[in-house]
Amino acid sequence: MTDNIKVAPRPAIGSDAASIAKVMRAALASFDWMPVLHTPEQDLSFIRDIVLPNQQVMIAEADNDIIGFISVKGEWIEQLYLDPAWTGQGIGSRLVEEAAAILPLVKLYCFQANSGARRFYERHGFRAEAFGNGSTNEEGLPDILYVRRR
């Protein structure tokens, strides 16, 4: 990454699936508390067969490389991942604001162990409304329901 590279968001297309899956895997691998539940092939299948056809997906691209993405379904942010090398540069903020700009209510789940994401969402006006014990997610990790109202 260099300072002179312009980051541009755009809607995802089917041919982006492999790059999106790689970003998701890199982001998840950067968390030492996150269990590895899926293979790279399963990640690709999830993005290609579930996320892209059923959710609105916006990617962040820099120098023709996908470096992050957000997916939204209804009032829910389902996924938000950045390549770890690109965090802290306002890219996630831009994706969240563009995805949620027209929604009066936005919801998402965040793992309690993800302190960086928790700070990020709270800075963007999300408020914790419920705390879960992990029984409703496949990772089995305690989570938080965050909600942002306009």
N, C-alpha and C. Protein backbone atom coordinates (compact mmCIF):
# COMPACT_ATOMS: atom_id res chain seq x y z
N MET A 1 0.84 -1.18 0.00
CA MET A 1 0.00 0.00 0.00
C MET A 1 0.89 1.24 0.00
N THR A 2 0.47 2.24 -0.74
CA THR A 2 1.17 3.52 -0.73
C THR A 2 0.16 4.62 -0.56
N ASP A 3 0.62 5.77 -0.13
CA ASP A 3 -0.27 6.89 0.13
C ASP A 3 -0.90 7.46 -1.12
N ASN A 4 -0.33 7.23 -2.28
CA ASN A 4 -0.87 7.82 -3.49
C ASN A 4 -1.88 6.93 -4.22
N ILE A 5 -2.23 5.79 -3.66
CA ILE A 5 -3.23 4.92 -4.26
C ILE A 5 -4.62 5.40 -3.85
N LYS A 6 -5.49 5.57 -4.85
CA LYS A 6 -6.85 6.00 -4.59
C LYS A 6 -7.72 4.77 -4.32
N VAL A 7 -8.51 4.85 -3.26
CA VAL A 7 -9.43 3.77 -2.92
C VAL A 7 -10.80 4.14 -3.45
N ALA A 8 -11.39 3.23 -4.22
CA ALA A 8 -12.68 3.51 -4.83
C ALA A 8 -13.67 2.39 -4.50
N PRO A 9 -14.83 2.74 -3.93
CA PRO A 9 -15.86 1.72 -3.71
C PRO A 9 -16.68 1.52 -4.99
N ARG A 10 -17.17 0.30 -5.17
CA ARG A 10 -18.06 -0.01 -6.28
C ARG A 10 -18.88 -1.24 -5.92
N PRO A 11 -20.01 -1.43 -6.60
CA PRO A 11 -20.79 -2.65 -6.36
C PRO A 11 -20.00 -3.88 -6.80
N ALA A 12 -20.13 -4.95 -6.06
CA ALA A 12 -19.45 -6.20 -6.40
C ALA A 12 -20.16 -6.88 -7.56
N ILE A 13 -19.38 -7.64 -8.31
CA ILE A 13 -19.92 -8.47 -9.38
C ILE A 13 -19.45 -9.91 -9.14
N GLY A 14 -20.05 -10.83 -9.85
CA GLY A 14 -19.77 -12.25 -9.63
C GLY A 14 -18.30 -12.61 -9.72
N SER A 15 -17.58 -12.00 -10.64
CA SER A 15 -16.17 -12.33 -10.82
C SER A 15 -15.29 -11.84 -9.66
N ASP A 16 -15.87 -11.06 -8.74
CA ASP A 16 -15.13 -10.59 -7.56
C ASP A 16 -15.09 -11.63 -6.43
N ALA A 17 -15.85 -12.71 -6.56
CA ALA A 17 -16.05 -13.64 -5.45
C ALA A 17 -14.74 -14.14 -4.85
N ALA A 18 -13.81 -14.58 -5.67
CA ALA A 18 -12.55 -15.14 -5.14
C ALA A 18 -11.76 -14.10 -4.35
N SER A 19 -11.69 -12.88 -4.87
CA SER A 19 -10.95 -11.83 -4.16
C SER A 19 -11.65 -11.44 -2.86
N ILE A 20 -12.97 -11.40 -2.88
CA ILE A 20 -13.73 -11.08 -1.66
C ILE A 20 -13.48 -12.16 -0.61
N ALA A 21 -13.53 -13.43 -1.02
CA ALA A 21 -13.30 -14.53 -0.09
C ALA A 21 -11.90 -14.46 0.52
N LYS A 22 -10.91 -14.06 -0.28
CA LYS A 22 -9.54 -13.93 0.24
C LYS A 22 -9.44 -12.82 1.27
N VAL A 23 -10.13 -11.71 1.04
CA VAL A 23 -10.13 -10.61 2.01
C VAL A 23 -10.78 -11.08 3.31
N MET A 24 -11.90 -11.76 3.20
CA MET A 24 -12.58 -12.26 4.40
C MET A 24 -11.67 -13.19 5.19
N ARG A 25 -11.02 -14.11 4.51
CA ARG A 25 -10.14 -15.07 5.18
C ARG A 25 -8.96 -14.36 5.84
N ALA A 26 -8.36 -13.39 5.16
CA ALA A 26 -7.23 -12.66 5.74
C ALA A 26 -7.67 -11.89 6.99
N ALA A 27 -8.85 -11.27 6.91
CA ALA A 27 -9.34 -10.52 8.07
C ALA A 27 -9.59 -11.45 9.25
N LEU A 28 -10.27 -12.56 8.99
CA LEU A 28 -10.57 -13.50 10.08
C LEU A 28 -9.29 -14.11 10.66
N ALA A 29 -8.31 -14.38 9.81
CA ALA A 29 -7.05 -14.96 10.27
C ALA A 29 -6.25 -14.00 11.14
N SER A 30 -6.55 -12.71 11.06
CA SER A 30 -5.81 -11.73 11.86
C SER A 30 -6.26 -11.71 13.32
N PHE A 31 -7.34 -12.43 13.64
CA PHE A 31 -7.85 -12.48 15.01
C PHE A 31 -7.42 -13.79 15.66
N ASP A 32 -6.60 -13.71 16.71
CA ASP A 32 -6.14 -14.93 17.36
C ASP A 32 -7.24 -15.65 18.13
N TRP A 33 -8.35 -15.00 18.40
CA TRP A 33 -9.45 -15.60 19.14
C TRP A 33 -10.50 -16.25 18.23
N MET A 34 -10.36 -16.08 16.92
CA MET A 34 -11.36 -16.57 15.97
C MET A 34 -11.06 -18.02 15.58
N PRO A 35 -12.00 -18.94 15.83
CA PRO A 35 -11.78 -20.31 15.38
C PRO A 35 -11.85 -20.40 13.85
N VAL A 36 -11.06 -21.28 13.27
CA VAL A 36 -11.10 -21.51 11.83
C VAL A 36 -12.10 -22.65 11.60
N LEU A 37 -13.21 -22.32 10.97
CA LEU A 37 -14.28 -23.30 10.78
C LEU A 37 -14.42 -23.78 9.35
N HIS A 38 -13.87 -23.01 8.40
CA HIS A 38 -14.09 -23.31 6.99
C HIS A 38 -12.79 -23.31 6.21
N THR A 39 -12.80 -24.04 5.12
CA THR A 39 -11.66 -24.05 4.20
C THR A 39 -11.77 -22.85 3.26
N PRO A 40 -10.68 -22.51 2.58
CA PRO A 40 -10.78 -21.44 1.59
C PRO A 40 -11.84 -21.73 0.52
N GLU A 41 -11.99 -22.99 0.14
CA GLU A 41 -13.01 -23.36 -0.85
C GLU A 41 -14.41 -23.11 -0.32
N GLN A 42 -14.63 -23.39 0.95
CA GLN A 42 -15.94 -23.12 1.57
C GLN A 42 -16.19 -21.62 1.67
N ASP A 43 -15.14 -20.86 1.96
CA ASP A 43 -15.28 -19.39 1.99
C ASP A 43 -15.73 -18.89 0.62
N LEU A 44 -15.09 -19.38 -0.44
CA LEU A 44 -15.44 -18.97 -1.79
C LEU A 44 -16.88 -19.35 -2.12
N SER A 45 -17.28 -20.55 -1.77
CA SER A 45 -18.65 -20.99 -2.02
C SER A 45 -19.64 -20.10 -1.28
N PHE A 46 -19.34 -19.76 -0.04
CA PHE A 46 -20.21 -18.88 0.76
C PHE A 46 -20.38 -17.52 0.07
N ILE A 47 -19.28 -16.93 -0.35
CA ILE A 47 -19.35 -15.62 -1.01
C ILE A 47 -20.07 -15.74 -2.35
N ARG A 48 -19.69 -16.69 -3.16
CA ARG A 48 -20.24 -16.83 -4.52
C ARG A 48 -21.71 -17.25 -4.52
N ASP A 49 -22.08 -18.20 -3.65
CA ASP A 49 -23.40 -18.81 -3.72
C ASP A 49 -24.42 -18.24 -2.75
N ILE A 50 -23.96 -17.58 -1.69
CA ILE A 50 -24.89 -17.06 -0.68
C ILE A 50 -24.84 -15.53 -0.60
N VAL A 51 -23.64 -14.99 -0.41
CA VAL A 51 -23.53 -13.55 -0.19
C VAL A 51 -23.87 -12.76 -1.46
N LEU A 52 -23.16 -13.01 -2.54
CA LEU A 52 -23.35 -12.19 -3.75
C LEU A 52 -24.77 -12.27 -4.33
N PRO A 53 -25.41 -13.45 -4.38
CA PRO A 53 -26.76 -13.47 -4.94
C PRO A 53 -27.85 -12.93 -4.03
N ASN A 54 -27.60 -12.86 -2.72
CA ASN A 54 -28.66 -12.55 -1.77
C ASN A 54 -28.47 -11.27 -0.97
N GLN A 55 -27.35 -10.61 -1.13
CA GLN A 55 -27.06 -9.41 -0.37
C GLN A 55 -26.53 -8.34 -1.31
N GLN A 56 -26.67 -7.08 -0.89
CA GLN A 56 -26.06 -5.98 -1.62
C GLN A 56 -24.62 -5.88 -1.14
N VAL A 57 -23.68 -6.01 -2.06
CA VAL A 57 -22.26 -6.04 -1.69
C VAL A 57 -21.54 -4.89 -2.38
N MET A 58 -20.83 -4.11 -1.57
CA MET A 58 -19.99 -3.01 -2.06
C MET A 58 -18.55 -3.37 -1.69
N ILE A 59 -17.67 -3.22 -2.66
CA ILE A 59 -16.26 -3.49 -2.39
C ILE A 59 -15.48 -2.18 -2.38
N ALA A 60 -14.34 -2.22 -1.71
CA ALA A 60 -13.36 -1.14 -1.77
C ALA A 60 -12.19 -1.69 -2.58
N GLU A 61 -11.79 -0.91 -3.56
CA GLU A 61 -10.76 -1.34 -4.48
C GLU A 61 -9.63 -0.32 -4.48
N ALA A 62 -8.40 -0.80 -4.51
CA ALA A 62 -7.23 0.08 -4.60
C ALA A 62 -6.27 -0.55 -5.60
N ASP A 63 -5.91 0.22 -6.60
CA ASP A 63 -4.98 -0.25 -7.61
C ASP A 63 -5.43 -1.59 -8.20
N ASN A 64 -6.75 -1.68 -8.49
CA ASN A 64 -7.38 -2.87 -9.07
C ASN A 64 -7.38 -4.10 -8.16
N ASP A 65 -7.10 -3.92 -6.88
CA ASP A 65 -7.18 -5.02 -5.91
C ASP A 65 -8.32 -4.75 -4.94
N ILE A 66 -9.09 -5.77 -4.66
CA ILE A 66 -10.15 -5.64 -3.66
C ILE A 66 -9.50 -5.70 -2.29
N ILE A 67 -9.76 -4.67 -1.48
CA ILE A 67 -9.12 -4.58 -0.16
C ILE A 67 -10.13 -4.60 0.97
N GLY A 68 -11.41 -4.62 0.64
CA GLY A 68 -12.44 -4.68 1.66
C GLY A 68 -13.81 -4.79 1.03
N PHE A 69 -14.79 -5.17 1.85
CA PHE A 69 -16.16 -5.23 1.36
C PHE A 69 -17.15 -5.17 2.51
N ILE A 70 -18.36 -4.78 2.15
CA ILE A 70 -19.48 -4.77 3.08
C ILE A 70 -20.66 -5.39 2.35
N SER A 71 -21.46 -6.16 3.09
CA SER A 71 -22.69 -6.71 2.49
C SER A 71 -23.86 -6.37 3.40
N VAL A 72 -24.97 -6.03 2.77
CA VAL A 72 -26.17 -5.60 3.49
C VAL A 72 -27.36 -6.38 2.96
N LYS A 73 -28.22 -6.78 3.88
CA LYS A 73 -29.48 -7.43 3.51
C LYS A 73 -30.57 -6.82 4.37
N GLY A 74 -31.46 -6.07 3.72
CA GLY A 74 -32.49 -5.36 4.48
C GLY A 74 -31.85 -4.31 5.36
N GLU A 75 -32.13 -4.37 6.64
CA GLU A 75 -31.55 -3.41 7.59
C GLU A 75 -30.32 -3.97 8.31
N TRP A 76 -29.81 -5.08 7.83
CA TRP A 76 -28.68 -5.77 8.48
C TRP A 76 -27.38 -5.62 7.70
N ILE A 77 -26.33 -5.21 8.38
CA ILE A 77 -24.98 -5.36 7.83
C ILE A 77 -24.58 -6.78 8.16
N GLU A 78 -24.43 -7.59 7.12
CA GLU A 78 -24.13 -9.01 7.30
C GLU A 78 -22.64 -9.28 7.39
N GLN A 79 -21.85 -8.55 6.60
CA GLN A 79 -20.41 -8.74 6.55
C GLN A 79 -19.74 -7.39 6.40
N LEU A 80 -18.62 -7.21 7.07
CA LEU A 80 -17.74 -6.06 6.84
C LEU A 80 -16.33 -6.53 7.15
N TYR A 81 -15.52 -6.62 6.11
CA TYR A 81 -14.14 -7.09 6.27
C TYR A 81 -13.21 -6.23 5.45
N LEU A 82 -12.04 -5.97 6.02
CA LEU A 82 -10.96 -5.27 5.32
C LEU A 82 -9.70 -6.11 5.37
N ASP A 83 -8.91 -6.02 4.32
CA ASP A 83 -7.57 -6.59 4.36
C ASP A 83 -6.88 -5.95 5.56
N PRO A 84 -6.27 -6.74 6.45
CA PRO A 84 -5.65 -6.16 7.65
C PRO A 84 -4.64 -5.05 7.36
N ALA A 85 -3.99 -5.08 6.22
CA ALA A 85 -3.02 -4.03 5.87
C ALA A 85 -3.68 -2.68 5.61
N TRP A 86 -5.00 -2.67 5.44
CA TRP A 86 -5.71 -1.44 5.08
C TRP A 86 -6.60 -0.91 6.21
N THR A 87 -6.55 -1.50 7.38
CA THR A 87 -7.39 -0.99 8.47
C THR A 87 -6.85 0.34 8.99
N GLY A 88 -7.73 1.11 9.60
CA GLY A 88 -7.34 2.38 10.20
C GLY A 88 -7.15 3.52 9.23
N GLN A 89 -7.66 3.38 8.00
CA GLN A 89 -7.47 4.41 6.99
C GLN A 89 -8.78 5.01 6.50
N GLY A 90 -9.88 4.73 7.20
CA GLY A 90 -11.17 5.31 6.83
C GLY A 90 -11.95 4.52 5.80
N ILE A 91 -11.43 3.40 5.35
CA ILE A 91 -12.10 2.61 4.32
C ILE A 91 -13.36 1.95 4.88
N GLY A 92 -13.26 1.35 6.05
CA GLY A 92 -14.43 0.76 6.68
C GLY A 92 -15.50 1.80 6.97
N SER A 93 -15.08 2.97 7.41
CA SER A 93 -16.02 4.07 7.67
C SER A 93 -16.78 4.44 6.40
N ARG A 94 -16.05 4.55 5.32
CA ARG A 94 -16.69 4.92 4.05
C ARG A 94 -17.68 3.84 3.60
N LEU A 95 -17.31 2.57 3.74
CA LEU A 95 -18.21 1.49 3.36
C LEU A 95 -19.47 1.48 4.22
N VAL A 96 -19.31 1.66 5.53
CA VAL A 96 -20.48 1.68 6.42
C VAL A 96 -21.38 2.85 6.09
N GLU A 97 -20.81 4.02 5.90
CA GLU A 97 -21.64 5.20 5.64
C GLU A 97 -22.36 5.09 4.30
N GLU A 98 -21.70 4.58 3.28
CA GLU A 98 -22.36 4.43 1.98
C GLU A 98 -23.45 3.37 2.05
N ALA A 99 -23.19 2.27 2.73
CA ALA A 99 -24.18 1.20 2.81
C ALA A 99 -25.39 1.58 3.64
N ALA A 100 -25.18 2.38 4.67
CA ALA A 100 -26.26 2.70 5.61
C ALA A 100 -26.89 4.06 5.38
N ALA A 101 -26.45 4.78 4.37
CA ALA A 101 -26.87 6.17 4.17
C ALA A 101 -28.39 6.34 4.08
N ILE A 102 -29.08 5.43 3.46
CA ILE A 102 -30.52 5.61 3.26
C ILE A 102 -31.35 4.78 4.24
N LEU A 103 -30.71 4.07 5.14
CA LEU A 103 -31.45 3.22 6.08
C LEU A 103 -31.71 3.95 7.39
N PRO A 104 -32.96 4.03 7.82
CA PRO A 104 -33.25 4.67 9.10
C PRO A 104 -32.82 3.81 10.30
N LEU A 105 -32.66 2.54 10.07
CA LEU A 105 -32.28 1.59 11.13
C LEU A 105 -31.29 0.61 10.53
N VAL A 106 -30.16 0.42 11.22
CA VAL A 106 -29.14 -0.53 10.77
C VAL A 106 -28.77 -1.40 11.95
N LYS A 107 -28.71 -2.72 11.70
CA LYS A 107 -28.37 -3.67 12.75
C LYS A 107 -27.19 -4.52 12.30
N LEU A 108 -26.46 -5.03 13.27
CA LEU A 108 -25.38 -5.97 12.99
C LEU A 108 -25.00 -6.70 14.26
N TYR A 109 -24.35 -7.82 14.07
CA TYR A 109 -23.77 -8.54 15.19
C TYR A 109 -22.26 -8.40 15.13
N CYS A 110 -21.65 -8.32 16.29
CA CYS A 110 -20.20 -8.20 16.43
C CYS A 110 -19.78 -9.12 17.57
N PHE A 111 -18.67 -9.80 17.42
CA PHE A 111 -18.19 -10.64 18.52
C PHE A 111 -17.68 -9.76 19.66
N GLN A 112 -17.99 -10.16 20.87
CA GLN A 112 -17.55 -9.40 22.04
C GLN A 112 -16.03 -9.30 22.10
N ALA A 113 -15.33 -10.32 21.63
CA ALA A 113 -13.86 -10.31 21.67
C ALA A 113 -13.24 -9.33 20.68
N ASN A 114 -14.02 -8.85 19.72
CA ASN A 114 -13.49 -7.97 18.68
C ASN A 114 -13.52 -6.52 19.15
N SER A 115 -12.60 -6.18 20.02
CA SER A 115 -12.60 -4.85 20.64
C SER A 115 -12.40 -3.73 19.61
N GLY A 116 -11.60 -3.97 18.58
CA GLY A 116 -11.41 -2.96 17.55
C GLY A 116 -12.70 -2.67 16.79
N ALA A 117 -13.42 -3.72 16.42
CA ALA A 117 -14.69 -3.53 15.72
C ALA A 117 -15.71 -2.87 16.63
N ARG A 118 -15.71 -3.23 17.89
CA ARG A 118 -16.65 -2.61 18.83
C ARG A 118 -16.42 -1.10 18.90
N ARG A 119 -15.16 -0.69 19.03
CA ARG A 119 -14.85 0.75 19.06
C ARG A 119 -15.28 1.41 17.75
N PHE A 120 -15.00 0.75 16.64
CA PHE A 120 -15.36 1.27 15.32
C PHE A 120 -16.86 1.51 15.23
N TYR A 121 -17.65 0.51 15.55
CA TYR A 121 -19.11 0.65 15.43
C TYR A 121 -19.65 1.70 16.40
N GLU A 122 -19.14 1.75 17.60
CA GLU A 122 -19.61 2.74 18.57
C GLU A 122 -19.26 4.16 18.11
N ARG A 123 -18.09 4.34 17.48
CA ARG A 123 -17.74 5.66 16.90
C ARG A 123 -18.69 6.06 15.79
N HIS A 124 -19.29 5.08 15.14
CA HIS A 124 -20.21 5.34 14.03
C HIS A 124 -21.67 5.33 14.46
N GLY A 125 -21.92 5.51 15.74
CA GLY A 125 -23.27 5.70 16.22
C GLY A 125 -24.05 4.43 16.54
N PHE A 126 -23.42 3.28 16.49
CA PHE A 126 -24.10 2.04 16.85
C PHE A 126 -24.10 1.90 18.37
N ARG A 127 -25.18 1.39 18.89
CA ARG A 127 -25.32 1.17 20.33
C ARG A 127 -25.59 -0.30 20.60
N ALA A 128 -24.93 -0.83 21.62
CA ALA A 128 -25.16 -2.23 22.01
C ALA A 128 -26.55 -2.35 22.59
N GLU A 129 -27.33 -3.28 22.06
CA GLU A 129 -28.70 -3.48 22.54
C GLU A 129 -28.91 -4.82 23.19
N ALA A 130 -28.07 -5.80 22.86
CA ALA A 130 -28.21 -7.13 23.47
C ALA A 130 -26.86 -7.84 23.42
N PHE A 131 -26.62 -8.63 24.43
CA PHE A 131 -25.40 -9.42 24.52
C PHE A 131 -25.77 -10.90 24.49
N GLY A 132 -25.12 -11.65 23.57
CA GLY A 132 -25.41 -13.07 23.45
C GLY A 132 -24.28 -13.92 23.99
N ASN A 133 -24.60 -15.17 24.28
CA ASN A 133 -23.60 -16.08 24.86
C ASN A 133 -22.91 -16.95 23.81
N GLY A 134 -23.20 -16.74 22.54
CA GLY A 134 -22.58 -17.51 21.47
C GLY A 134 -23.40 -18.70 21.01
N SER A 135 -24.53 -18.93 21.63
CA SER A 135 -25.35 -20.09 21.27
C SER A 135 -26.06 -19.92 19.92
N THR A 136 -26.08 -18.72 19.37
CA THR A 136 -26.80 -18.50 18.11
C THR A 136 -25.88 -18.25 16.91
N ASN A 137 -24.56 -18.39 17.08
CA ASN A 137 -23.65 -18.25 15.94
C ASN A 137 -22.79 -19.50 15.83
N GLU A 138 -22.34 -19.79 14.61
CA GLU A 138 -21.62 -21.05 14.39
C GLU A 138 -20.25 -21.08 15.06
N GLU A 139 -19.68 -19.92 15.35
CA GLU A 139 -18.39 -19.88 16.03
C GLU A 139 -18.51 -20.20 17.52
N GLY A 140 -19.70 -20.06 18.07
CA GLY A 140 -19.91 -20.31 19.49
C GLY A 140 -19.30 -19.23 20.37
N LEU A 141 -19.12 -18.02 19.81
CA LEU A 141 -18.49 -16.93 20.54
C LEU A 141 -19.53 -15.92 21.01
N PRO A 142 -19.38 -15.40 22.23
CA PRO A 142 -20.29 -14.36 22.70
C PRO A 142 -20.32 -13.18 21.74
N ASP A 143 -21.52 -12.66 21.50
CA ASP A 143 -21.66 -11.57 20.54
C ASP A 143 -22.50 -10.43 21.10
N ILE A 144 -22.59 -9.38 20.29
CA ILE A 144 -23.35 -8.18 20.67
C ILE A 144 -24.21 -7.79 19.48
N LEU A 145 -25.47 -7.48 19.75
CA LEU A 145 -26.33 -6.89 18.74
C LEU A 145 -26.15 -5.39 18.83
N TYR A 146 -25.69 -4.78 17.73
CA TYR A 146 -25.54 -3.34 17.65
C TYR A 146 -26.65 -2.78 16.75
N VAL A 147 -27.17 -1.61 17.12
CA VAL A 147 -28.22 -0.96 16.34
C VAL A 147 -27.87 0.52 16.22
N ARG A 148 -28.12 1.05 15.03
CA ARG A 148 -27.96 2.49 14.80
C ARG A 148 -29.26 3.01 14.21
N ARG A 149 -29.80 4.02 14.88
CA ARG A 149 -31.02 4.67 14.41
C ARG A 149 -30.67 6.08 13.97
N ARG A 150 -31.33 6.53 12.90
CA ARG A 150 -31.12 7.89 12.45
C ARG A 150 -32.04 8.82 13.20
